[in-house]
Protein backbone atom coordinates (compact mmCIF):
# COMPACT_ATOMS: atom_id res chain seq x y z
CA MET A 1 0.00 0.00 0.00
CA LYS A 2 1.35 3.42 -0.94
CA LEU A 3 2.01 6.14 1.63
CA TRP A 4 -0.67 8.47 0.31
CA GLN A 5 -3.26 5.66 0.51
CA LYS A 6 -2.37 5.06 4.16
CA ASN A 7 -2.66 8.78 4.85
CA VAL A 8 -6.09 8.96 3.19
CA ILE A 9 -7.31 5.97 5.23
CA LEU A 10 -6.00 7.52 8.45
CA LEU A 11 -7.62 10.85 7.60
CA LEU A 12 -10.95 9.13 6.93
CA LEU A 13 -10.68 7.32 10.26
CA VAL A 14 -10.04 10.61 12.06
CA VAL A 15 -13.08 12.18 10.40
CA LEU A 16 -15.19 9.12 11.26
CA ILE A 17 -14.08 9.21 14.90
CA ALA A 18 -14.84 12.93 15.05
CA PHE A 19 -18.31 12.80 13.49
CA VAL A 20 -19.75 9.56 14.92
CA PRO A 21 -20.50 11.28 18.27
CA LEU A 22 -22.49 13.92 16.40
CA PHE A 23 -25.06 11.28 15.58
CA LEU A 24 -24.80 8.99 18.60
CA LEU A 25 -24.83 11.61 21.40
CA ARG A 26 -27.43 14.12 20.28
CA ASP A 27 -28.69 14.89 23.82
CA ALA A 28 -25.28 15.20 25.45
CA GLU A 29 -24.83 18.10 27.87
CA PHE A 30 -21.65 20.00 28.63
CA GLY A 31 -21.30 23.48 30.08
CA GLY A 32 -18.28 25.36 28.82
CA ALA A 33 -16.85 28.85 29.10
CA ASP A 34 -19.16 30.23 26.38
CA GLY A 35 -22.26 29.24 28.33
CA MET A 36 -20.87 30.68 31.54
CA ALA A 37 -19.99 33.95 29.78
CA GLU A 38 -23.50 34.16 28.34
CA GLU A 39 -25.02 33.72 31.80
CA LEU A 40 -22.74 36.41 33.25
CA ILE A 41 -23.61 38.87 30.46
CA THR A 42 -27.33 38.20 30.93
CA GLU A 43 -27.01 38.84 34.68
CA SER A 44 -25.00 42.04 34.14
CA ASP A 45 -27.14 43.47 31.31
CA PRO A 46 -30.51 41.75 30.78
CA ASP A 47 -31.23 43.95 27.72
CA TYR A 48 -28.07 42.88 25.87
CA GLU A 49 -28.68 41.88 22.24
CA PRO A 50 -26.09 39.70 20.43
CA TRP A 51 -24.61 41.23 17.29
CA PHE A 52 -25.28 38.15 15.15
CA GLN A 53 -26.67 34.61 15.27
CA PRO A 54 -24.59 31.49 14.62
CA ILE A 55 -24.83 29.93 11.16
CA PHE A 56 -24.60 26.38 12.53
CA GLU A 57 -25.75 25.35 16.02
CA PRO A 58 -24.13 22.08 17.21
CA ALA A 59 -26.38 19.45 18.76
CA SER A 60 -24.79 19.91 22.21
CA GLY A 61 -21.95 21.57 24.06
CA GLU A 62 -19.87 18.42 23.83
CA VAL A 63 -20.26 18.39 20.05
CA GLU A 64 -19.23 22.04 20.01
CA SER A 65 -16.13 21.17 22.07
CA LEU A 66 -15.39 18.27 19.73
CA LEU A 67 -15.56 20.53 16.68
CA PHE A 68 -13.35 23.13 18.39
CA ALA A 69 -10.77 20.47 19.28
CA LEU A 70 -10.90 19.06 15.76
CA GLN A 71 -10.36 22.53 14.31
CA ALA A 72 -7.38 23.07 16.62
CA ALA A 73 -5.93 19.66 15.72
CA ILE A 74 -6.24 20.28 11.98
CA GLY A 75 -4.71 23.74 12.32
CA SER A 76 -1.78 22.50 14.37
CA GLY A 77 -1.32 19.59 11.96
CA VAL A 78 -1.06 21.97 9.01
CA VAL A 79 1.35 24.29 10.84
CA CYS A 80 3.53 21.39 12.02
CA PHE A 81 3.54 19.83 8.55
CA ILE A 82 4.67 23.08 6.96
CA LEU A 83 7.34 23.65 9.62
CA GLY A 84 8.53 20.06 9.21
CA ARG A 85 8.79 20.44 5.44
CA MET A 86 10.65 23.73 5.79
CA THR A 87 13.22 22.34 8.23
CA ALA A 88 13.58 18.78 6.90
CA PRO A 89 17.18 17.65 6.43
CA GLY A 90 18.15 16.80 2.88
CA ARG A 91 15.78 19.33 1.37
CA LYS A 92 17.17 20.60 -1.95
CA ASP A 93 15.84 24.16 -1.70
CA HIS A 94 17.12 25.69 1.55
CA GLY A 95 16.43 29.23 0.43
CA ASN A 96 20.11 29.99 -0.27
């Protein structure tokens, strides 16, 4: 099996692991910092109106946390990949 095929399979597995809970745990509850901030704002200023509404509302707070963690993992993966490619030994173009 070629390297790119293994990478595609691994990527599909990561996506599967990330999105299966979206469908299996629809009623999951988790209170995070966003919810606590919203409560504090409502207590401080009951007439506060949000500037905009979310485009997509996750099924629960845990799903929202999952999507945030997935976004962070993808972003760090891209950054680390680029840094690894830039600093890899044996690279022909060192910017000289």
